[in-house]
Amino acid sequence: MNFARTVLWIYIVLLVMGGLVGYLKAGSKPSLIASVSFAAALTLCALNVIRPHVITDLLLTALLVLFGLRLSKTRKFVPAGLMLVLTLTVLVLRQLKF
């Protein structure tokens, strides 16, 4: 398994865990649904069911925008700011060649 795919798998797990925590702590069904939906799409990318590398980057960019909007609305670093930083890190790490 290459580095970019490993980073993506770790991100997928953290994304689902974040949605689950949002649901359990605040009862946020939209958080759970969004995290599981994006995680499912990213899982297809990680398994190479969806081949183009650009699709993965587009999904991550959409999440980056989503977390950025949520951070600007709430002004709370956790969870939106943390996920924004994590998503940006994943996007950068996926572009590096190891």
Protein backbone atom coordinates (compact mmCIF):
# COMPACT_ATOMS: atom_id res chain seq x y z
CA MET A 1 0.00 0.00 0.00
CA ASN A 2 1.44 3.35 -0.96
CA PHE A 3 1.76 6.38 1.30
CA ALA A 4 -1.08 8.40 -0.25
CA ARG A 5 -3.53 5.51 0.17
CA THR A 6 -2.45 4.95 3.79
CA VAL A 7 -2.99 8.64 4.58
CA LEU A 8 -6.41 8.46 2.94
CA TRP A 9 -7.43 5.40 5.01
CA ILE A 10 -6.43 7.14 8.23
CA TYR A 11 -8.42 10.20 7.19
CA ILE A 12 -11.48 8.08 6.37
CA VAL A 13 -11.43 6.52 9.84
CA LEU A 14 -11.04 9.92 11.52
CA LEU A 15 -13.84 11.37 9.38
CA VAL A 16 -16.29 8.65 10.42
CA MET A 17 -15.24 8.89 14.05
CA GLY A 18 -15.83 12.66 13.95
CA GLY A 19 -19.31 12.20 12.52
CA LEU A 20 -20.09 9.59 15.12
CA VAL A 21 -18.90 11.84 17.95
CA GLY A 22 -21.00 14.70 16.55
CA TYR A 23 -24.02 12.44 16.53
CA LEU A 24 -23.46 11.03 20.01
CA LYS A 25 -22.61 14.35 21.69
CA ALA A 26 -24.96 16.73 19.92
CA GLY A 27 -27.45 14.41 18.23
CA SER A 28 -26.36 15.75 14.84
CA LYS A 29 -27.75 13.40 12.21
CA PRO A 30 -26.51 15.63 9.34
CA SER A 31 -22.96 15.33 10.72
CA LEU A 32 -23.19 11.56 10.79
CA ILE A 33 -24.79 11.32 7.35
CA ALA A 34 -22.28 13.69 5.75
CA SER A 35 -19.27 11.98 7.31
CA VAL A 36 -20.42 8.49 6.33
CA SER A 37 -21.32 9.64 2.80
CA PHE A 38 -17.96 11.29 2.20
CA ALA A 39 -16.17 8.36 3.85
CA ALA A 40 -17.98 5.92 1.54
CA ALA A 41 -16.97 7.90 -1.54
CA LEU A 42 -13.37 8.21 -0.32
CA THR A 43 -13.34 4.47 0.44
CA LEU A 44 -14.22 3.76 -3.20
CA CYS A 45 -11.29 5.98 -4.17
CA ALA A 46 -8.95 4.24 -1.72
CA LEU A 47 -9.96 0.83 -3.09
CA ASN A 48 -9.35 2.06 -6.65
CA VAL A 49 -12.98 1.46 -7.61
CA ILE A 50 -13.00 5.11 -8.64
CA ARG A 51 -9.70 5.45 -10.49
CA PRO A 52 -9.03 9.09 -11.27
CA HIS A 53 -6.78 10.67 -8.67
CA VAL A 54 -8.54 13.97 -9.26
CA ILE A 55 -11.87 12.65 -7.87
CA THR A 56 -10.24 12.01 -4.49
CA ASP A 57 -8.77 15.50 -4.49
CA LEU A 58 -12.13 17.02 -5.44
CA LEU A 59 -13.87 15.24 -2.56
CA LEU A 60 -11.19 16.40 -0.15
CA THR A 61 -11.45 19.95 -1.52
CA ALA A 62 -15.22 19.87 -1.01
CA LEU A 63 -14.64 18.82 2.59
CA LEU A 64 -12.06 21.58 2.97
CA VAL A 65 -14.65 24.15 1.85
CA LEU A 66 -17.32 22.62 4.08
CA PHE A 67 -15.11 22.71 7.17
CA GLY A 68 -13.93 26.23 6.29
CA LEU A 69 -17.51 27.47 6.08
CA ARG A 70 -18.41 25.75 9.32
CA LEU A 71 -15.37 27.26 11.07
CA SER A 72 -16.22 30.76 9.83
CA LYS A 73 -19.78 30.32 11.08
CA THR A 74 -19.04 28.89 14.53
CA ARG A 75 -15.58 30.40 15.21
CA LYS A 76 -14.78 27.26 17.23
CA PHE A 77 -11.60 25.39 16.38
CA VAL A 78 -13.00 22.04 17.46
CA PRO A 79 -14.31 20.25 15.45
CA ALA A 80 -14.43 22.33 12.22
CA GLY A 81 -11.00 23.93 12.51
CA LEU A 82 -9.34 20.67 13.46
CA MET A 83 -10.92 18.88 10.49
CA LEU A 84 -9.97 21.80 8.23
CA VAL A 85 -6.31 21.44 9.22
CA LEU A 86 -6.48 17.65 8.94
CA THR A 87 -8.09 17.80 5.50
CA LEU A 88 -5.51 20.30 4.24
CA THR A 89 -2.73 18.07 5.60
CA VAL A 90 -4.15 15.05 3.79
CA LEU A 91 -4.38 17.00 0.53
CA VAL A 92 -0.75 18.11 0.83
CA LEU A 93 0.56 14.69 1.88
CA ARG A 94 -1.22 13.01 -1.03
CA GLN A 95 0.65 15.25 -3.46
CA LEU A 96 4.09 14.36 -2.07
CA LYS A 97 5.93 11.49 -3.72
CA PHE A 98 7.43 9.06 -1.21
